[in-house]
Every structure is written in C-alpha cells, then in structure tokens.
Amino acid sequence: MKSFATPPRRAAKFLPLAAGLAILALTAGCSGIRLDTLLRPNENDWQLAGGSERRLNFTPVPVTPPLTAEWEYDASAGFGPSAMAGKDSVLFIGTLQGELQAVSLAKGDRLGWISLGSAIPGAPIVDGNNVIVVTSDERDNVISCDLRTGKKNWVRSAGPTDNAPLRSGELIIVTTATGDVTAFDKDLGDERWRFHAGRAIHGAPAGDGERIYFGCDDGRLRALDRFGKLLWTSPGAGPFLAGPVVEDSLVIAGSFDRHVYAFDARTGKLVWKTRVPAVPYGSVAVAGNRAVIGTSGEEVVCFDTHTGSILWSFHTGGVVTAAPLITGTIVYAPCLDKRLYAIDLGSGALLWKLEYPSRLRTTPVPWGRDLLVPTEERVVYYMKGSK
C-alpha cells in the first residue's frame, strides 16, 4: 500500500516565530533555540531514546493504522538509529550534520536550531526546560542547554560516542567508542565517576534506577551500580552492536553472533539465549512478556521474554537496522525497503504497510495516538493514527 495521495505540507527551513518560542541569532551558545514559556509535562512526552531509562521502545497507547501524513519536516541532514525526543508541544531532533533542531508538533514548523559542530548520533534528553545532547567529538561533546535563556548550562568531555545518552535519576550517562562510561550531574555537569571497560561500546546504555547496563565489542554485557562500581560481567557472546533493554528482572540484548541474550539483572547469570535467523543490528522492543527485534535477514522476530522461545517471525522486504516500536499491541518496524510495517504483536500478522520516498533506518517515536517517522532522505513525517 503506497500512498501520500495528497502530499502533506513540508515545513520551510526558516519560518516566522511560533507561539511561545523566539528564534534568536545563532551564537556560540544555545540561543538558536529559546523558549519564552516553560515546557510543561504532557502525557505524550518521549524525553529520551527508547522512551524511558529501560529503553523499552514501548508505549501502552496504540497508534492505530492506517496512518495518514499530517505534515512533513525537512531536517536538511540525516539521522542516527535514534534521533528524536519530545516534550509538551516541541520535538527536538539531532542530526548527523550536528544540528539540534526544535520543531512544533502542532504544525511541523521549525522553531529554532543550533549547530554543535559534529554529528549527533543519538536522541537528545529533554530534562525539564533543559536539553542535553551528545556529539561524536572527543572533547566538549556533552552539552546542556537552558531553553529559557538560550545559554549553555555546561559543557563536558566524554570521548567519541556513536549512541544516545541516558538519564538515570540525577545522572547523565555517556558511553564511548573508547570503552568509557561517564556519569555527569545533570544540573551542574560535574563528573561523578568514570569507568573504563577496556572495549568499545557502540550501543546506548540502559538502566533500572539501581544499575546501569551496557554491552561491549568483547561480547560481554556489564552492570555498574550508581557509583560506577562494576557489579557483574556476563558470560561471553558475540559483539553487542546495539544497547540492551531492561524488562522486569532481565537485561535483553541482541548480538552479532545471531543470538538474543537475556541475563539476570542482579547477577548477570545467563537466563536464556535464542538464535535468530540473521544478525540483529538494532535494540529490542519489549511489551510485557513479548519482545521483538529486527534482523539483517529481512525479518522481525518475536519471542517470549520468560523463555526465549520464538513466537513468530515476519518477513519484510528489506533489512531492519533500527529498533522496532511497540504501541499497545501493534509493532511498527522501519525497514530499508522504504516501508513502515504495522504488525500484530500477538499473531505476527501484517496489519498495514506504507512505502516512503526513501529508506527507514531510525526508530519512529510515538506522540499520543500518532507517530513521527524519520526517513533517510532527511524528512520527518507526522503520521496521524486512525481513531
């Protein structure tokens, strides 16, 4: 099913002032994005990659197909595996060109932007009226901006990273390709601790309020306590290209060795491992006792989180490199065949699909009963769900 029968309006690159926001001249600070009013909590808020500290890529609110395009926004640059976070009525987008952009969720208008100099590989964190973003630079690459004043709260160095930061309580956790895990105070930017794992970390870290979890190139998952002390190292597996998710007492992650692993969150003991048909490049999405993951074999695989048993497998038309998103009992899988697939979580049956002008390699973000879909051609589509 291919459509955009009536092309949605594409937002212009520079637009008049929007209500509640003022666009100032770009400076060395964050003044390209400045709020005149405070961001308030909204039930639709999606304030970091994965939607929560546990990175479940899940919302209980269903986005019901068929979806129709309400508006589209040209970001002028590409996106990493995760790229967007939203609060109140504002969407924040990080691009591989190094721009942090603010967009009106109501109309798709650009509200402001700042250039941070190098690629933003993962979604920013929206914390109150601050936004925290990490770039791929080696130095001065963790930046907190005050959206009320347009000034930087603080800038710190973590080392080169290619994933999204994590907020865990009062800490901002950043992992790097040089094997460091660094915790910064979210308000002051003070470095609380730094742990050196010794191997590259490519996937975004996850947490459960007590521990921080991450996977390394050496095929081992590790857990740290909130003070940076190593609690456990898992048994060996293949390299972990994507970050783990935390569901109940399990830490679940896909590995380059074509297995999905579940470890006990407290001890690191292997609970189960399940072989999937091909390499899983993205993270898992989890809803209750069901988890889904995409593979390089053009499949979306669903398994039981308690046992690891495969429940169903759905064949797409291309490689799935990003994490799927689960809304209610509907799985949305972005695919390199340019299609977004809606799959029934219970049965694995196809509910709906839509072809876009370019490939999909970034996880969509829910906004209530609607969906934000970023594409490789640098455009974000706001898709309205059916009532």
Protein backbone atom coordinates (compact mmCIF):
# COMPACT_ATOMS: atom_id res chain seq x y z
CA MET A 1 0.00 0.00 0.00
CA LYS A 2 1.79 3.07 -1.26
CA SER A 3 0.32 6.46 -0.73
CA PHE A 4 0.72 10.12 0.03
CA ALA A 5 -2.19 10.83 -2.29
CA THR A 6 -2.40 14.41 -1.08
CA PRO A 7 1.18 15.45 -0.36
CA PRO A 8 1.47 16.90 3.15
CA ARG A 9 2.91 20.34 3.62
CA ARG A 10 6.66 20.31 4.01
CA ALA A 11 7.82 22.82 6.57
CA ALA A 12 10.15 25.51 5.31
CA LYS A 13 13.70 25.67 6.64
CA PHE A 14 13.22 29.10 8.24
CA LEU A 15 9.81 30.24 9.44
CA PRO A 16 8.19 33.07 11.43
CA LEU A 17 8.14 32.99 15.20
CA ALA A 18 5.86 30.35 16.69
CA ALA A 19 3.71 30.88 19.75
CA GLY A 20 5.70 30.56 22.95
CA LEU A 21 9.12 30.44 21.23
CA ALA A 22 11.53 33.04 19.97
CA ILE A 23 14.25 32.43 17.39
CA LEU A 24 17.39 34.39 18.10
CA ALA A 25 20.55 34.80 16.09
CA LEU A 26 22.88 31.82 16.28
CA THR A 27 25.78 32.33 18.65
CA ALA A 28 28.34 30.16 20.35
CA GLY A 29 25.70 29.35 22.97
CA CYS A 30 22.29 27.73 22.57
CA SER A 31 20.39 30.87 21.67
CA GLY A 32 19.19 29.47 18.36
CA ILE A 33 16.53 27.75 20.48
CA ARG A 34 14.98 29.78 23.26
CA LEU A 35 11.63 29.37 24.99
CA ASP A 36 9.54 32.27 26.23
CA THR A 37 7.35 29.89 28.23
CA LEU A 38 8.17 26.79 30.24
CA LEU A 39 7.79 23.29 28.85
CA ARG A 40 5.14 21.50 30.88
CA PRO A 41 4.73 17.75 31.37
CA ASN A 42 2.49 16.10 28.80
CA GLU A 43 1.17 12.56 28.81
CA ASN A 44 2.64 12.11 25.33
CA ASP A 45 6.19 13.08 26.35
CA TRP A 46 9.01 10.93 24.94
CA GLN A 47 12.03 12.51 26.60
CA LEU A 48 14.91 10.22 25.61
CA ALA A 49 15.79 7.38 23.24
CA GLY A 50 13.63 4.32 23.91
CA GLY A 51 11.08 6.41 25.81
CA SER A 52 12.40 5.55 29.28
CA GLU A 53 15.52 4.65 31.23
CA ARG A 54 14.79 0.99 30.50
CA ARG A 55 14.81 1.70 26.71
CA LEU A 56 11.76 -0.49 26.08
CA ASN A 57 10.66 1.25 22.87
CA PHE A 58 7.10 0.77 24.08
CA THR A 59 4.02 2.85 24.79
CA PRO A 60 0.73 1.40 26.05
CA VAL A 61 -1.19 3.85 23.85
CA PRO A 62 -1.95 2.23 20.47
CA VAL A 63 -1.20 4.06 17.25
CA THR A 64 -3.87 2.52 15.05
CA PRO A 65 -3.36 2.11 11.30
CA PRO A 66 -3.97 3.18 8.66
CA LEU A 67 -1.88 6.28 9.24
CA THR A 68 -2.13 9.45 7.20
CA ALA A 69 0.53 12.13 6.75
CA GLU A 70 -0.38 15.33 8.60
CA TRP A 71 2.83 17.22 7.87
CA GLU A 72 6.44 16.63 6.93
CA TYR A 73 9.58 18.40 8.06
CA ASP A 74 12.88 18.67 6.17
CA ALA A 75 15.76 18.49 8.65
CA SER A 76 18.38 19.00 5.89
CA ALA A 77 20.58 16.20 7.28
CA GLY A 78 20.37 12.51 8.16
CA PHE A 79 19.68 10.75 11.45
CA GLY A 80 21.24 8.06 13.63
CA PRO A 81 19.37 4.94 14.90
CA SER A 82 17.56 7.23 17.36
CA ALA A 83 17.20 10.94 16.74
CA MET A 84 14.13 12.49 18.41
CA ALA A 85 12.71 13.42 21.78
CA GLY A 86 9.59 15.43 22.56
CA LYS A 87 8.02 17.32 25.42
CA ASP A 88 4.91 19.48 25.76
CA SER A 89 4.43 20.60 22.14
CA VAL A 90 8.03 20.63 20.91
CA LEU A 91 10.01 17.98 19.06
CA PHE A 92 13.81 18.02 19.38
CA ILE A 93 15.82 16.41 16.59
CA GLY A 94 19.55 15.65 16.49
CA THR A 95 21.11 15.32 13.03
CA LEU A 96 24.30 13.78 11.68
CA GLN A 97 25.25 17.26 10.47
CA GLY A 98 25.50 18.34 14.10
CA GLU A 99 22.34 20.40 14.37
CA LEU A 100 19.88 20.30 17.25
CA GLN A 101 16.53 21.44 15.88
CA ALA A 102 13.26 22.36 17.60
CA VAL A 103 10.02 21.72 15.71
CA SER A 104 6.39 22.48 16.50
CA LEU A 105 4.49 19.23 16.95
CA ALA A 106 1.27 21.01 16.02
CA LYS A 107 2.30 22.21 12.56
CA GLY A 108 5.79 20.94 11.76
CA ASP A 109 7.26 24.47 11.73
CA ARG A 110 10.91 24.91 12.61
CA LEU A 111 11.12 26.89 15.84
CA GLY A 112 14.87 27.21 16.12
CA TRP A 113 18.19 25.41 15.73
CA ILE A 114 21.76 25.36 16.94
CA SER A 115 24.88 23.93 15.34
CA LEU A 116 27.11 21.88 17.64
CA GLY A 117 29.88 21.21 15.16
CA SER A 118 29.81 17.44 14.75
CA ALA A 119 27.34 14.59 14.33
CA ILE A 120 24.65 13.96 16.93
CA PRO A 121 24.42 10.15 16.78
CA GLY A 122 21.53 9.62 19.21
CA ALA A 123 18.38 11.26 20.53
CA PRO A 124 18.79 14.18 22.96
CA ILE A 125 17.43 14.14 26.50
CA VAL A 126 14.76 16.67 27.49
CA ASP A 127 15.05 17.34 31.22
CA GLY A 128 12.62 19.94 32.49
CA ASN A 129 13.48 23.04 30.47
CA ASN A 130 16.94 21.84 29.61
CA VAL A 131 18.02 19.71 26.66
CA ILE A 132 21.15 17.56 26.88
CA VAL A 133 22.84 16.38 23.73
CA VAL A 134 25.99 14.37 22.97
CA THR A 135 28.05 14.73 19.80
CA SER A 136 30.66 12.45 18.25
CA ASP A 137 33.55 14.81 19.10
CA GLU A 138 36.23 13.61 21.50
CA ARG A 139 36.15 16.80 23.59
CA ASP A 140 33.45 19.22 24.75
CA ASN A 141 30.83 16.85 23.39
CA VAL A 142 28.29 16.65 26.24
CA ILE A 143 26.25 19.85 26.21
CA SER A 144 23.39 21.01 28.41
CA CYS A 145 21.34 23.95 27.10
CA ASP A 146 18.85 26.05 29.06
CA LEU A 147 15.89 26.53 26.74
CA ARG A 148 14.61 29.53 28.71
CA THR A 149 17.78 31.63 28.42
CA GLY A 150 19.30 30.21 25.27
CA LYS A 151 22.60 29.67 27.12
CA LYS A 152 24.69 26.61 27.79
CA ASN A 153 24.42 25.33 31.35
CA TRP A 154 27.61 23.33 30.99
CA VAL A 155 29.87 21.55 28.50
CA ARG A 156 31.93 18.47 29.33
CA SER A 157 34.13 15.90 27.57
CA ALA A 158 33.27 12.20 27.49
CA GLY A 159 35.13 10.89 24.44
CA PRO A 160 33.87 9.86 20.99
CA THR A 161 30.43 8.30 21.08
CA ASP A 162 28.04 6.86 18.50
CA ASN A 163 24.91 6.36 20.59
CA ALA A 164 22.35 8.16 22.74
CA PRO A 165 22.94 9.34 26.32
CA LEU A 166 20.91 8.04 29.27
CA ARG A 167 19.29 9.87 32.14
CA SER A 168 19.24 7.80 35.33
CA GLY A 169 17.97 9.80 38.29
CA GLU A 170 20.27 12.79 38.71
CA LEU A 171 22.90 11.34 36.39
CA ILE A 172 23.56 11.65 32.67
CA ILE A 173 25.36 8.51 31.46
CA VAL A 174 27.50 8.60 28.32
CA THR A 175 29.30 5.58 26.80
CA THR A 176 32.07 5.83 24.22
CA ALA A 177 33.83 4.01 21.41
CA THR A 178 36.97 4.05 23.56
CA GLY A 179 35.28 1.99 26.27
CA ASP A 180 34.49 4.68 28.85
CA VAL A 181 31.27 5.06 30.82
CA THR A 182 30.99 8.51 32.39
CA ALA A 183 28.35 9.86 34.76
CA PHE A 184 27.70 13.61 34.91
CA ASP A 185 25.50 15.53 37.31
CA LYS A 186 22.54 16.54 35.13
CA ASP A 187 22.23 20.02 36.66
CA LEU A 188 25.83 21.05 37.30
CA GLY A 189 27.70 18.90 34.79
CA ASP A 190 30.17 17.71 37.43
CA GLU A 191 31.77 14.38 36.59
CA ARG A 192 30.60 11.98 39.30
CA TRP A 193 32.60 8.98 38.13
CA ARG A 194 34.16 7.31 35.11
CA PHE A 195 34.50 3.58 34.47
CA HIS A 196 36.80 2.16 31.81
CA ALA A 197 35.51 -1.07 30.30
CA GLY A 198 38.51 -1.57 28.03
CA ARG A 199 36.43 -2.36 24.93
CA ALA A 200 34.39 -0.19 22.57
CA ILE A 201 30.75 0.47 23.46
CA HIS A 202 28.51 1.11 20.46
CA GLY A 203 25.00 0.65 21.87
CA ALA A 204 23.19 3.10 24.13
CA PRO A 205 23.25 2.22 27.85
CA ALA A 206 20.09 1.32 29.77
CA GLY A 207 19.18 1.44 33.46
CA ASP A 208 16.62 0.40 36.05
CA GLY A 209 17.13 3.06 38.74
CA GLU A 210 19.69 0.95 40.57
CA ARG A 211 22.11 -0.24 37.90
CA ILE A 212 23.49 0.86 34.53
CA TYR A 213 23.83 -1.78 31.78
CA PHE A 214 25.83 -1.72 28.56
CA GLY A 215 27.32 -4.14 26.04
CA CYS A 216 30.83 -4.12 24.58
CA ASP A 217 32.67 -5.27 21.49
CA ASP A 218 34.18 -8.11 23.52
CA GLY A 219 30.77 -9.81 23.60
CA ARG A 220 30.08 -9.15 27.26
CA LEU A 221 27.34 -7.19 28.96
CA ARG A 222 28.31 -5.30 32.11
CA ALA A 223 26.42 -3.78 35.03
CA LEU A 224 27.56 -0.87 37.20
CA ASP A 225 25.99 0.47 40.34
CA ARG A 226 25.05 4.15 40.63
CA PHE A 227 28.55 4.95 41.93
CA GLY A 228 30.34 3.40 38.95
CA LYS A 229 31.35 0.16 40.64
CA LEU A 230 31.38 -2.95 38.46
CA LEU A 231 28.74 -5.41 39.71
CA TRP A 232 29.00 -8.14 37.11
CA THR A 233 30.26 -9.12 33.68
CA SER A 234 28.17 -11.54 31.66
CA PRO A 235 29.41 -14.74 30.03
CA GLY A 236 30.94 -14.23 26.60
CA ALA A 237 28.89 -13.80 23.43
CA GLY A 238 29.39 -12.02 20.11
CA PRO A 239 29.85 -8.24 19.97
CA PHE A 240 26.85 -6.16 21.06
CA LEU A 241 26.18 -3.59 18.33
CA ALA A 242 23.04 -2.14 19.93
CA GLY A 243 22.17 -1.33 23.51
CA PRO A 244 20.24 -3.55 25.93
CA VAL A 245 16.74 -3.11 27.32
CA VAL A 246 15.65 -3.85 30.88
CA GLU A 247 12.35 -5.67 31.41
CA ASP A 248 11.41 -6.71 34.94
CA SER A 249 14.43 -8.69 36.21
CA LEU A 250 16.03 -9.30 32.80
CA VAL A 251 18.52 -7.44 30.64
CA ILE A 252 17.95 -8.37 26.99
CA ALA A 253 20.21 -7.62 24.03
CA GLY A 254 20.88 -8.90 20.53
CA SER A 255 24.41 -9.87 19.50
CA PHE A 256 26.42 -10.01 16.28
CA ASP A 257 26.64 -13.80 16.78
CA ARG A 258 22.95 -14.04 15.72
CA HIS A 259 21.60 -14.65 19.20
CA VAL A 260 19.39 -12.67 21.54
CA TYR A 261 20.52 -12.98 25.16
CA ALA A 262 18.70 -12.49 28.45
CA PHE A 263 20.73 -12.04 31.63
CA ASP A 264 19.61 -11.77 35.23
CA ALA A 265 19.69 -8.08 36.09
CA ARG A 266 21.11 -8.63 39.58
CA THR A 267 23.69 -11.34 38.95
CA GLY A 268 24.50 -11.31 35.23
CA LYS A 269 23.73 -15.01 35.01
CA LEU A 270 22.56 -16.18 31.59
CA VAL A 271 18.83 -16.94 31.75
CA TRP A 272 18.34 -17.87 28.10
CA LYS A 273 19.68 -17.30 24.64
CA THR A 274 17.82 -17.66 21.35
CA ARG A 275 19.27 -17.93 17.88
CA VAL A 276 17.65 -15.68 15.28
CA PRO A 277 17.96 -16.16 11.51
CA ALA A 278 20.40 -13.27 10.92
CA VAL A 279 22.36 -10.53 12.68
CA PRO A 280 20.20 -8.19 14.82
CA TYR A 281 21.61 -4.70 14.35
CA GLY A 282 19.11 -2.75 16.46
CA SER A 283 17.80 -2.98 20.01
CA VAL A 284 14.85 -5.00 21.21
CA ALA A 285 11.38 -3.56 21.82
CA VAL A 286 9.55 -5.10 24.78
CA ALA A 287 5.92 -5.14 25.93
CA GLY A 288 5.26 -7.41 28.91
CA ASN A 289 6.31 -10.96 28.09
CA ARG A 290 6.85 -10.27 24.38
CA ALA A 291 9.88 -8.79 22.70
CA VAL A 292 10.58 -8.07 19.04
CA ILE A 293 13.79 -7.41 17.14
CA GLY A 294 14.69 -6.76 13.51
CA THR A 295 17.46 -8.57 11.62
CA SER A 296 19.72 -8.27 8.59
CA GLY A 297 17.80 -11.25 7.18
CA GLU A 298 14.78 -9.04 6.41
CA GLU A 299 12.77 -10.34 9.36
CA VAL A 300 11.10 -9.12 12.51
CA VAL A 301 11.23 -11.82 15.18
CA CYS A 302 9.05 -12.02 18.30
CA PHE A 303 9.99 -14.13 21.31
CA ASP A 304 8.77 -14.85 24.82
CA THR A 305 10.81 -12.86 27.36
CA HIS A 306 10.36 -15.55 30.01
CA THR A 307 11.69 -18.46 27.99
CA GLY A 308 13.31 -17.03 24.87
CA SER A 309 11.05 -19.17 22.66
CA ILE A 310 10.36 -17.68 19.23
CA LEU A 311 6.62 -16.99 18.89
CA TRP A 312 6.54 -15.72 15.32
CA SER A 313 8.66 -14.30 12.54
CA PHE A 314 7.52 -11.76 9.95
CA HIS A 315 9.34 -11.37 6.62
CA THR A 316 9.80 -7.80 5.40
CA GLY A 317 11.15 -6.65 2.05
CA GLY A 318 14.47 -5.37 3.40
CA VAL A 319 16.96 -5.25 6.26
CA VAL A 320 15.72 -3.89 9.60
CA THR A 321 18.56 -1.95 11.23
CA ALA A 322 16.68 0.15 13.82
CA ALA A 323 14.75 -0.96 16.88
CA PRO A 324 11.04 -1.60 16.30
CA LEU A 325 8.46 0.36 18.29
CA ILE A 326 5.52 -1.25 20.10
CA THR A 327 2.37 0.84 20.60
CA GLY A 328 -0.27 -1.07 22.56
CA THR A 329 -0.34 -4.41 20.71
CA ILE A 330 0.95 -3.06 17.39
CA VAL A 331 4.58 -3.37 16.28
CA TYR A 332 5.95 -0.71 13.94
CA ALA A 333 9.05 -1.84 12.06
CA PRO A 334 11.05 0.67 9.95
CA CYS A 335 12.78 -1.04 7.06
CA LEU A 336 15.43 -0.39 4.42
CA ASP A 337 12.92 -1.35 1.70
CA LYS A 338 11.41 2.13 2.36
CA ARG A 339 8.37 0.66 4.09
CA LEU A 340 6.94 1.05 7.56
CA TYR A 341 5.24 -2.18 8.64
CA ALA A 342 2.49 -2.44 11.26
CA ILE A 343 2.40 -5.97 12.68
CA ASP A 344 0.07 -7.54 15.23
CA LEU A 345 2.11 -8.29 18.37
CA GLY A 346 0.00 -11.32 19.25
CA SER A 347 -0.06 -13.16 15.93
CA GLY A 348 2.66 -11.63 13.74
CA ALA A 349 0.07 -10.84 11.06
CA LEU A 350 0.55 -7.81 8.82
CA LEU A 351 -1.95 -5.08 9.69
CA TRP A 352 -0.79 -2.36 7.32
CA LYS A 353 2.25 -1.01 5.49
CA LEU A 354 3.23 2.22 3.81
CA GLU A 355 6.05 2.99 1.39
CA TYR A 356 8.03 6.19 1.82
CA PRO A 357 10.25 8.01 -0.68
CA SER A 358 13.45 6.74 1.00
CA ARG A 359 14.75 4.09 3.38
CA LEU A 360 13.82 3.90 7.06
CA ARG A 361 16.74 3.34 9.41
CA THR A 362 15.70 5.29 12.52
CA THR A 363 13.21 4.17 15.16
CA PRO A 364 9.87 6.05 15.00
CA VAL A 365 8.64 7.99 18.03
CA PRO A 366 5.03 7.91 19.28
CA TRP A 367 3.14 11.07 20.12
CA GLY A 368 -0.12 10.03 21.76
CA ARG A 369 -2.07 8.17 19.07
CA ASP A 370 0.15 9.50 16.29
CA LEU A 371 3.62 8.60 15.01
CA LEU A 372 6.74 10.51 13.96
CA VAL A 373 8.66 8.69 11.23
CA PRO A 374 12.16 9.85 10.20
CA THR A 375 13.46 8.78 6.77
CA GLU A 376 16.88 8.56 5.17
CA GLU A 377 16.07 11.44 2.85
CA ARG A 378 16.25 13.71 5.95
CA VAL A 379 12.50 14.18 6.28
CA VAL A 380 10.39 13.53 9.39
CA TYR A 381 6.73 12.63 8.72
CA TYR A 382 4.00 13.27 11.28
CA MET A 383 1.57 10.38 10.76
CA LYS A 384 -1.94 10.67 12.16
CA GLY A 385 -3.38 7.47 13.63
CA SER A 386 -6.93 6.31 12.97
CA LYS A 387 -9.47 6.97 15.69
